[in-house]
Amino acid sequence: MPRFTTLLDRRYSCLISTVSLLMLTAMVIPARSADWPQHLGPHRNGISADTGLIDEWPEDGLKEVFRVPGGVGMSGLAISRGALVTLVQRSGKQFVIALDAKTGKTKWATPVAPAYTNGMGNGPRATPAIINDQVFAFTGEGILVALDFESGKILWSKNVIKQLGGKIADYGMACSPLVVDDQVIVTAGASQGTVAAFNIKTGEKAWSVGSDPAGYSSPALLIIAGKNQLVTYTGSSVLGIAPDTGALLWRYPYITDYECNIATPLAIDGQVFISSGENHGCALLALKPNGDKFNVTKTWASQGSKSVLRNEWQTSMLLDGYLYGFDNGGSAGPLTHLTCIDAKTGDRKWQKIRFGKGNGIAADGKLLISTMKGEFVLVRANREEFQEIGRVTVIGKTRQAPALADGLVYLRDDNEIVCLDLRKP
């Protein structure tokens, strides 16, 4: 995502159950544990099950496995069964491309839409999802495409924004598709549906719900009080939705300037954490069943310029009850701090002042971070203090989080896709 400016200060949000989430996402994403098949990885929380990663920075630096041309865009990287899939813009079109994840060699490249231009950055924004024999991609103007995983052949294509009577979000459509059973779900922000589900084989609409603006977040699938729910962070609220029918279970207002709610909701002990950047803040909310609906209550909130954690476009990482994330205190890059807080209480444990803008994931007790300057940084996930293992400049300016699969970390910018080896010797 591009940098968005948020000024308004309000609270509110959503739900969740950590153990149930792991069980549920294993059902939704039938991939190997070492894969990274969608936005924020196998469990859509930015955490990989990979182990055996380096504990110390090598004296001769990280081994570069490959470096290949990519293309313009802000799409993240999805890896499954030896293939890396992303969206790029080149030659006047938006492409879904697949590379060999070990060599970088192109397997296929399929044009799916005309070039998308935007003053905050050109090209597609959303990360594709790889599910069984299909790839799902959402373009900058809101075209949802299903492709064959092996060949890249387009199976079907739907202009979701036009179909639902909507308009393209100011900074482009950024929702990364989520597959639940036989449906692929995206946030459209249209008058005929804030959120919509489509059959994965035919592309026919299954349901749509709501009329809130889209925002720039991607939905998560959670279980609350034994009930499957889609939790969607829109431009002005958080929604809980029944995934099979599209019934609205609850809505909680959370308003920001420019509709810039971007991070993905996270599960914390049966509750949900959300955060928005600059001087907006964060909140942890609980849900209580009320018939076939839910009532939402605030467990804690930290809002405004004194907030403990203001995620701009980055989703924080929850490890052993602590949140590690980027606290954006203003529009200038150095005002973004890397921060650790107690997720249950919101108390700050430590803060690396002026760490700079970046994005991150977690694995093997470590934070894997990409900075806007193109650095890759490895940090220990230590709740007591900031401990950097090492860093290296790898690519140009970027906002995408790294992706990790089989001990290899992948990064991209507007020109290249790079793979580094993090495995212990």
Protein backbone atom coordinates (compact mmCIF):
# COMPACT_ATOMS: atom_id res chain seq x y z
CA MET A 1 0.00 0.00 0.00
CA PRO A 2 1.08 3.60 -0.53
CA ARG A 3 1.49 5.90 2.46
CA PHE A 4 -1.87 7.25 3.53
CA THR A 5 -2.50 10.28 5.75
CA THR A 6 -4.95 9.78 8.62
CA LEU A 7 -5.93 12.65 10.91
CA LEU A 8 -9.23 11.85 12.63
CA ASP A 9 -9.21 10.13 15.96
CA ARG A 10 -11.92 7.70 16.86
CA ARG A 11 -12.04 4.23 18.36
CA TYR A 12 -13.66 0.94 17.85
CA SER A 13 -13.44 -2.53 16.15
CA CYS A 14 -13.86 -6.29 16.16
CA LEU A 15 -13.26 -9.92 17.42
CA ILE A 16 -11.40 -13.35 17.44
CA SER A 17 -10.07 -16.67 18.87
CA THR A 18 -6.42 -17.59 18.33
CA VAL A 19 -6.62 -21.37 18.56
CA SER A 20 -9.79 -21.51 16.48
CA LEU A 21 -8.23 -19.22 13.87
CA LEU A 22 -5.32 -21.61 13.32
CA MET A 23 -7.74 -24.53 12.91
CA LEU A 24 -9.98 -22.56 10.59
CA THR A 25 -7.31 -21.18 8.30
CA ALA A 26 -5.81 -24.63 7.96
CA MET A 27 -9.19 -25.62 6.51
CA VAL A 28 -9.38 -22.58 4.24
CA ILE A 29 -5.80 -22.65 2.88
CA PRO A 30 -4.85 -26.29 2.14
CA ALA A 31 -1.17 -25.53 1.68
CA ARG A 32 2.07 -26.89 3.13
CA SER A 33 3.15 -25.25 6.37
CA ALA A 34 6.26 -23.86 4.66
CA ASP A 35 4.20 -22.08 1.99
CA TRP A 36 3.14 -18.42 1.99
CA PRO A 37 0.04 -18.74 -0.22
CA GLN A 38 -1.78 -15.46 0.39
CA HIS A 39 -1.75 -12.01 2.02
CA LEU A 40 0.03 -12.25 5.40
CA GLY A 41 0.82 -15.93 4.93
CA PRO A 42 -0.97 -19.20 5.64
CA HIS A 43 -2.95 -17.95 8.64
CA ARG A 44 -3.35 -14.36 7.38
CA ASN A 45 -1.56 -13.02 10.45
CA GLY A 46 1.98 -12.41 9.16
CA ILE A 47 3.46 -15.42 10.96
CA SER A 48 5.28 -18.36 9.32
CA ALA A 49 5.85 -21.81 10.81
CA ASP A 50 9.33 -21.91 9.24
CA THR A 51 12.17 -22.78 11.65
CA GLY A 52 15.91 -23.21 11.36
CA LEU A 53 16.54 -19.60 10.36
CA ILE A 54 19.87 -17.92 11.08
CA ASP A 55 20.39 -16.54 14.60
CA GLU A 56 23.47 -14.47 13.75
CA TRP A 57 24.24 -12.28 10.74
CA PRO A 58 26.74 -14.07 8.45
CA GLU A 59 30.18 -12.42 8.23
CA ASP A 60 30.04 -12.52 4.44
CA GLY A 61 26.38 -11.37 4.34
CA LEU A 62 23.20 -13.10 3.29
CA LYS A 63 23.30 -15.39 0.28
CA GLU A 64 21.33 -14.05 -2.67
CA VAL A 65 19.49 -16.90 -4.40
CA PHE A 66 18.19 -14.89 -7.35
CA ARG A 67 17.38 -11.39 -8.55
CA VAL A 68 15.00 -11.02 -11.51
CA PRO A 69 13.00 -8.24 -13.19
CA GLY A 70 9.49 -7.73 -11.84
CA GLY A 71 7.36 -4.69 -12.54
CA VAL A 72 5.57 -1.69 -11.05
CA GLY A 73 3.06 -2.26 -8.27
CA MET A 74 2.41 -2.76 -4.57
CA SER A 75 1.18 -6.34 -4.67
CA GLY A 76 2.74 -8.71 -2.16
CA LEU A 77 4.24 -12.11 -2.96
CA ALA A 78 2.43 -15.45 -2.62
CA ILE A 79 4.38 -18.74 -2.64
CA SER A 80 2.96 -22.25 -2.94
CA ARG A 81 4.30 -25.60 -4.17
CA GLY A 82 7.44 -24.11 -5.63
CA ALA A 83 5.80 -21.17 -7.42
CA LEU A 84 5.91 -17.47 -6.55
CA VAL A 85 2.90 -15.45 -7.76
CA THR A 86 2.38 -11.69 -7.72
CA LEU A 87 0.89 -8.83 -9.76
CA VAL A 88 3.03 -6.37 -11.70
CA GLN A 89 2.45 -3.59 -14.19
CA ARG A 90 4.52 -3.41 -17.38
CA SER A 91 4.04 -2.83 -21.10
CA GLY A 92 0.83 -0.92 -20.44
CA LYS A 93 -0.96 -3.77 -18.65
CA GLN A 94 -1.43 -5.38 -15.25
CA PHE A 95 -0.06 -8.93 -15.22
CA VAL A 96 -0.34 -11.85 -12.86
CA ILE A 97 3.04 -13.59 -13.05
CA ALA A 98 4.37 -16.88 -11.69
CA LEU A 99 8.06 -17.58 -11.11
CA ASP A 100 9.93 -20.68 -10.04
CA ALA A 101 10.43 -19.96 -6.32
CA LYS A 102 13.92 -21.51 -6.28
CA THR A 103 15.37 -19.99 -9.45
CA GLY A 104 13.26 -16.93 -10.33
CA LYS A 105 12.62 -18.29 -13.81
CA THR A 106 9.27 -17.17 -15.27
CA LYS A 107 6.68 -19.93 -15.45
CA TRP A 108 3.93 -17.78 -16.96
CA ALA A 109 2.78 -14.16 -17.23
CA THR A 110 -0.87 -13.36 -17.94
CA PRO A 111 -2.24 -9.87 -18.70
CA VAL A 112 -5.46 -9.38 -16.73
CA ALA A 113 -6.28 -5.65 -17.02
CA PRO A 114 -5.08 -2.38 -18.57
CA ALA A 115 -2.46 -0.35 -16.69
CA TYR A 116 -3.72 1.31 -13.51
CA THR A 117 -2.43 4.78 -12.67
CA ASN A 118 -2.79 6.69 -9.42
CA GLY A 119 -1.11 9.75 -7.94
CA MET A 120 -0.07 7.74 -4.88
CA GLY A 121 1.62 5.06 -6.97
CA ASN A 122 0.83 3.12 -10.12
CA GLY A 123 0.04 -0.54 -10.60
CA PRO A 124 -1.89 -3.22 -8.70
CA ARG A 125 -2.04 -3.20 -4.90
CA ALA A 126 -3.52 -6.51 -3.71
CA THR A 127 -1.66 -9.76 -3.00
CA PRO A 128 -2.94 -12.82 -4.90
CA ALA A 129 -4.22 -15.97 -3.18
CA ILE A 130 -3.18 -19.46 -4.31
CA ILE A 131 -5.76 -22.12 -3.49
CA ASN A 132 -5.40 -25.66 -4.87
CA ASP A 133 -5.39 -25.36 -8.68
CA GLN A 134 -6.45 -21.69 -8.80
CA VAL A 135 -4.94 -18.24 -8.32
CA PHE A 136 -7.15 -15.27 -7.41
CA ALA A 137 -6.07 -11.68 -8.07
CA PHE A 138 -7.70 -8.26 -7.58
CA THR A 139 -6.50 -5.44 -9.82
CA GLY A 140 -6.03 -1.75 -9.04
CA GLU A 141 -9.41 -0.83 -10.51
CA GLY A 142 -11.24 -3.76 -8.88
CA ILE A 143 -11.27 -6.59 -11.44
CA LEU A 144 -11.36 -9.98 -9.72
CA VAL A 145 -9.65 -12.69 -11.78
CA ALA A 146 -9.33 -16.45 -11.36
CA LEU A 147 -6.44 -18.18 -13.14
CA ASP A 148 -5.19 -21.73 -13.50
CA PHE A 149 -2.25 -22.30 -11.14
CA GLU A 150 -0.20 -24.38 -13.57
CA SER A 151 -0.73 -22.51 -16.85
CA GLY A 152 -1.87 -19.00 -15.89
CA LYS A 153 -4.95 -19.34 -18.13
CA ILE A 154 -7.78 -16.97 -17.15
CA LEU A 155 -10.71 -19.04 -15.89
CA TRP A 156 -13.04 -16.10 -15.28
CA SER A 157 -12.90 -12.33 -14.73
CA LYS A 158 -15.39 -9.99 -13.03
CA ASN A 159 -15.31 -6.21 -12.74
CA VAL A 160 -16.55 -6.18 -9.15
CA ILE A 161 -16.75 -2.39 -8.84
CA LYS A 162 -18.92 -1.98 -11.94
CA GLN A 163 -21.06 -5.00 -11.11
CA LEU A 164 -21.88 -3.68 -7.63
CA GLY A 165 -22.37 -0.05 -8.67
CA GLY A 166 -19.28 1.25 -6.89
CA LYS A 167 -16.36 3.53 -7.59
CA ILE A 168 -12.65 2.89 -7.38
CA ALA A 169 -11.20 3.86 -3.99
CA ASP A 170 -9.16 7.07 -4.01
CA TYR A 171 -5.86 5.21 -3.70
CA GLY A 172 -6.89 2.13 -5.69
CA MET A 173 -8.49 -1.16 -4.75
CA ALA A 174 -6.19 -2.87 -2.26
CA CYS A 175 -8.15 -5.79 -0.79
CA SER A 176 -6.30 -9.12 -1.09
CA PRO A 177 -8.79 -11.91 -1.93
CA LEU A 178 -9.76 -14.39 0.79
CA VAL A 179 -11.03 -17.87 -0.11
CA VAL A 180 -13.49 -19.60 2.23
CA ASP A 181 -14.73 -22.98 1.06
CA ASP A 182 -16.15 -22.43 -2.47
CA GLN A 183 -16.20 -18.62 -2.29
CA VAL A 184 -13.64 -15.91 -2.94
CA ILE A 185 -14.32 -12.74 -0.96
CA VAL A 186 -13.23 -9.14 -1.53
CA THR A 187 -14.03 -5.74 -0.07
CA ALA A 188 -15.60 -3.59 -2.77
CA GLY A 189 -17.05 -0.61 -0.90
CA ALA A 190 -19.93 -0.33 -3.37
CA SER A 191 -23.53 0.80 -2.92
CA GLN A 192 -24.66 -2.78 -3.58
CA GLY A 193 -22.11 -4.32 -1.25
CA THR A 194 -19.21 -3.32 0.96
CA VAL A 195 -18.14 -6.95 0.87
CA ALA A 196 -18.96 -9.53 -1.80
CA ALA A 197 -18.41 -13.25 -2.32
CA PHE A 198 -18.08 -15.05 -5.66
CA ASN A 199 -18.11 -18.73 -6.54
CA ILE A 200 -14.51 -19.85 -7.08
CA LYS A 201 -15.34 -22.01 -10.14
CA THR A 202 -17.86 -19.83 -11.98
CA GLY A 203 -17.29 -16.28 -10.73
CA GLU A 204 -21.01 -15.89 -10.05
CA LYS A 205 -21.88 -13.66 -7.11
CA ALA A 206 -22.90 -15.63 -4.02
CA TRP A 207 -23.80 -12.68 -1.78
CA SER A 208 -22.99 -9.06 -0.98
CA VAL A 209 -23.57 -7.03 2.16
CA GLY A 210 -23.21 -3.47 3.50
CA SER A 211 -22.77 -0.04 1.96
CA ASP A 212 -19.66 1.29 3.75
CA PRO A 213 -16.68 2.57 1.74
CA ALA A 214 -14.00 -0.02 1.06
CA GLY A 215 -10.98 1.30 2.92
CA TYR A 216 -7.74 -0.54 2.08
CA SER A 217 -7.79 -3.54 4.41
CA SER A 218 -8.22 -7.24 3.62
CA PRO A 219 -10.73 -9.48 5.44
CA ALA A 220 -9.89 -12.26 7.91
CA LEU A 221 -11.83 -15.42 8.75
CA LEU A 222 -12.34 -15.93 12.49
CA ILE A 223 -14.38 -18.07 14.89
CA ILE A 224 -16.24 -16.26 17.70
CA ALA A 225 -18.40 -18.10 20.24
CA GLY A 226 -18.38 -21.13 17.94
CA LYS A 227 -19.56 -19.14 14.92
CA ASN A 228 -17.56 -18.64 11.74
CA GLN A 229 -17.24 -14.96 10.90
CA LEU A 230 -15.61 -12.78 8.30
CA VAL A 231 -14.13 -9.72 9.96
CA THR A 232 -13.75 -6.86 7.52
CA TYR A 233 -12.15 -3.50 8.29
CA THR A 234 -13.84 -0.98 5.98
CA GLY A 235 -13.17 2.69 5.43
CA SER A 236 -15.52 3.65 8.27
CA SER A 237 -16.21 0.57 10.39
CA VAL A 238 -15.49 -3.04 11.28
CA LEU A 239 -18.00 -5.63 10.11
CA GLY A 240 -18.70 -9.19 11.25
CA ILE A 241 -20.29 -11.28 8.50
CA ALA A 242 -21.57 -14.86 8.23
CA PRO A 243 -19.36 -16.27 5.43
CA ASP A 244 -21.91 -18.74 4.05
CA THR A 245 -24.87 -16.34 3.70
CA GLY A 246 -23.39 -12.85 3.91
CA ALA A 247 -25.63 -11.95 6.85
CA LEU A 248 -24.37 -8.98 8.82
CA LEU A 249 -23.69 -10.10 12.41
CA TRP A 250 -22.44 -6.78 13.78
CA ARG A 251 -21.03 -3.42 12.77
CA TYR A 252 -18.74 -1.20 14.83
CA PRO A 253 -17.87 2.35 13.65
CA TYR A 254 -14.20 3.22 13.25
CA ILE A 255 -13.81 6.38 11.22
CA THR A 256 -10.55 7.75 9.83
CA ASP A 257 -9.72 10.54 7.43
CA TYR A 258 -9.54 9.46 3.78
CA GLU A 259 -11.07 6.08 4.75
CA CYS A 260 -7.56 4.83 5.47
CA ASN A 261 -8.18 1.73 7.55
CA ILE A 262 -5.53 -0.56 6.09
CA ALA A 263 -4.21 -3.22 8.51
CA THR A 264 -5.86 -6.65 8.82
CA PRO A 265 -7.69 -7.51 12.09
CA LEU A 266 -5.76 -9.79 14.48
CA ALA A 267 -7.00 -12.39 16.98
CA ILE A 268 -6.12 -11.83 20.63
CA ASP A 269 -7.69 -14.19 23.18
CA GLY A 270 -11.12 -14.22 21.54
CA GLN A 271 -11.01 -10.48 20.86
CA VAL A 272 -9.83 -8.40 17.95
CA PHE A 273 -7.09 -5.82 17.59
CA ILE A 274 -7.19 -3.12 14.94
CA SER A 275 -5.04 -0.07 14.36
CA SER A 276 -4.79 2.88 12.01
CA GLY A 277 -1.82 5.12 11.32
CA GLU A 278 -0.52 8.58 12.03
CA ASN A 279 -2.42 9.91 15.04
CA HIS A 280 -5.43 7.63 14.98
CA GLY A 281 -4.53 4.73 17.29
CA CYS A 282 -5.62 1.22 18.17
CA ALA A 283 -8.26 -0.73 20.07
CA LEU A 284 -8.96 -4.20 21.43
CA LEU A 285 -12.64 -5.16 21.38
CA ALA A 286 -14.69 -8.06 22.68
CA LEU A 287 -17.92 -9.53 21.32
CA LYS A 288 -20.86 -10.95 23.25
CA PRO A 289 -23.57 -13.04 21.56
CA ASN A 290 -27.01 -11.43 21.44
CA GLY A 291 -29.33 -13.86 19.69
CA ASP A 292 -28.00 -14.31 16.18
CA LYS A 293 -26.11 -11.00 16.43
CA PHE A 294 -23.25 -9.72 18.59
CA ASN A 295 -22.75 -6.75 20.88
CA VAL A 296 -19.32 -5.11 20.79
CA THR A 297 -17.56 -3.73 23.86
CA LYS A 298 -14.21 -2.01 24.23
CA THR A 299 -11.58 -3.86 26.26
CA TRP A 300 -9.00 -1.10 25.89
CA ALA A 301 -8.20 1.64 23.42
CA SER A 302 -5.23 3.94 22.85
CA GLN A 303 -6.08 6.83 20.57
CA GLY A 304 -4.54 10.02 19.27
CA SER A 305 -1.00 11.37 19.32
CA LYS A 306 -0.19 9.47 22.54
CA SER A 307 -1.37 6.12 21.20
CA VAL A 308 0.91 3.16 21.86
CA LEU A 309 0.60 1.74 18.35
CA ARG A 310 -0.59 3.41 15.14
CA ASN A 311 -0.20 0.97 12.26
CA GLU A 312 -0.23 2.84 8.96
CA TRP A 313 -0.36 0.16 6.25
CA GLN A 314 1.34 -2.58 8.27
CA THR A 315 -0.37 -5.37 10.22
CA SER A 316 1.29 -6.00 13.59
CA MET A 317 2.66 -9.42 14.55
CA LEU A 318 1.25 -11.18 17.62
CA LEU A 319 3.82 -13.41 19.33
CA ASP A 320 3.31 -14.97 22.77
CA GLY A 321 0.84 -12.30 23.81
CA TYR A 322 2.85 -9.32 22.58
CA LEU A 323 2.31 -7.16 19.52
CA TYR A 324 5.31 -6.05 17.46
CA GLY A 325 4.47 -3.34 14.97
CA PHE A 326 5.11 0.01 13.33
CA ASP A 327 3.90 3.06 15.24
CA ASN A 328 3.49 5.89 12.76
CA GLY A 329 3.65 9.25 14.47
CA GLY A 330 3.48 11.46 11.41
CA SER A 331 3.91 11.71 7.66
CA ALA A 332 7.72 11.84 7.70
CA GLY A 333 9.44 8.47 7.51
CA PRO A 334 11.73 8.80 10.57
CA LEU A 335 8.70 9.44 12.81
CA THR A 336 7.73 5.78 12.52
CA HIS A 337 8.88 3.73 15.50
CA LEU A 338 9.20 -0.04 15.85
CA THR A 339 7.23 -0.93 18.97
CA CYS A 340 6.34 -3.83 21.26
CA ILE A 341 3.21 -3.73 23.44
CA ASP A 342 1.39 -6.12 25.77
CA ALA A 343 -1.63 -7.15 23.70
CA LYS A 344 -3.90 -7.76 26.70
CA THR A 345 -3.34 -4.39 28.35
CA GLY A 346 -1.95 -2.08 25.68
CA ASP A 347 1.07 -1.29 27.85
CA ARG A 348 4.20 -0.45 25.88
CA LYS A 349 7.22 -2.69 26.50
CA TRP A 350 9.76 -0.95 24.28
CA GLN A 351 10.04 1.36 21.32
CA LYS A 352 12.85 1.82 18.80
CA ILE A 353 12.48 5.53 18.11
CA ARG A 354 12.66 6.64 14.47
CA PHE A 355 13.18 3.13 13.16
CA GLY A 356 11.57 4.34 9.93
CA LYS A 357 8.70 3.19 7.77
CA GLY A 358 8.63 -0.46 6.87
CA ASN A 359 6.65 -3.67 6.92
CA GLY A 360 7.24 -7.01 8.54
CA ILE A 361 6.40 -10.65 9.21
CA ALA A 362 7.60 -13.09 11.88
CA ALA A 363 9.11 -16.59 12.02
CA ASP A 364 11.31 -18.68 14.31
CA GLY A 365 11.33 -16.06 17.07
CA LYS A 366 12.42 -13.28 14.74
CA LEU A 367 10.94 -10.28 12.93
CA LEU A 368 11.70 -10.12 9.19
CA ILE A 369 11.39 -6.49 8.15
CA SER A 370 11.59 -4.59 4.88
CA THR A 371 12.08 -0.83 5.12
CA MET A 372 10.93 1.79 2.65
CA LYS A 373 14.59 2.43 1.87
CA GLY A 374 14.89 -1.11 0.51
CA GLU A 375 16.65 -2.67 3.50
CA PHE A 376 16.05 -6.14 4.85
CA VAL A 377 16.35 -6.16 8.66
CA LEU A 378 16.37 -9.16 10.99
CA VAL A 379 15.29 -8.46 14.60
CA ARG A 380 14.87 -10.80 17.58
CA ALA A 381 11.28 -10.99 18.86
CA ASN A 382 12.30 -10.04 22.39
CA ARG A 383 9.55 -8.48 24.49
CA GLU A 384 12.09 -6.90 26.85
CA GLU A 385 14.23 -4.91 24.41
CA PHE A 386 14.95 -4.15 20.78
CA GLN A 387 17.67 -6.48 19.43
CA GLU A 388 18.73 -6.10 15.82
CA ILE A 389 20.57 -9.08 14.31
CA GLY A 390 21.57 -7.38 11.07
CA ARG A 391 20.48 -5.48 7.99
CA VAL A 392 21.37 -5.07 4.35
CA THR A 393 20.09 -2.88 1.50
CA VAL A 394 18.55 -5.24 -1.03
CA ILE A 395 16.18 -3.35 -3.32
CA GLY A 396 14.81 0.11 -4.01
CA LYS A 397 11.91 1.89 -2.33
CA THR A 398 9.24 -0.57 -1.23
CA ARG A 399 6.17 -0.87 0.99
CA GLN A 400 5.54 -4.59 0.63
CA ALA A 401 6.22 -6.95 3.50
CA PRO A 402 8.65 -9.81 2.89
CA ALA A 403 7.34 -13.30 2.14
CA LEU A 404 8.92 -16.46 3.55
CA ALA A 405 8.84 -20.06 2.36
CA ASP A 406 11.23 -22.98 3.03
CA GLY A 407 13.78 -20.68 4.68
CA LEU A 408 13.93 -18.30 1.71
CA VAL A 409 12.79 -14.70 2.08
CA TYR A 410 11.42 -12.77 -0.90
CA LEU A 411 11.23 -9.00 -1.42
CA ARG A 412 10.17 -6.76 -4.29
CA ASP A 413 10.07 -3.15 -5.43
CA ASP A 414 8.92 -1.52 -8.68
CA ASN A 415 11.77 -3.11 -10.63
CA GLU A 416 12.94 -6.40 -9.17
CA ILE A 417 12.05 -9.49 -7.18
CA VAL A 418 14.84 -10.76 -4.93
CA CYS A 419 15.28 -13.99 -2.96
CA LEU A 420 17.65 -14.35 0.02
CA ASP A 421 18.61 -17.52 1.90
CA LEU A 422 17.94 -17.34 5.67
CA ARG A 423 18.61 -21.00 6.41
CA LYS A 424 21.25 -21.96 8.93
CA PRO A 425 24.32 -23.50 7.29
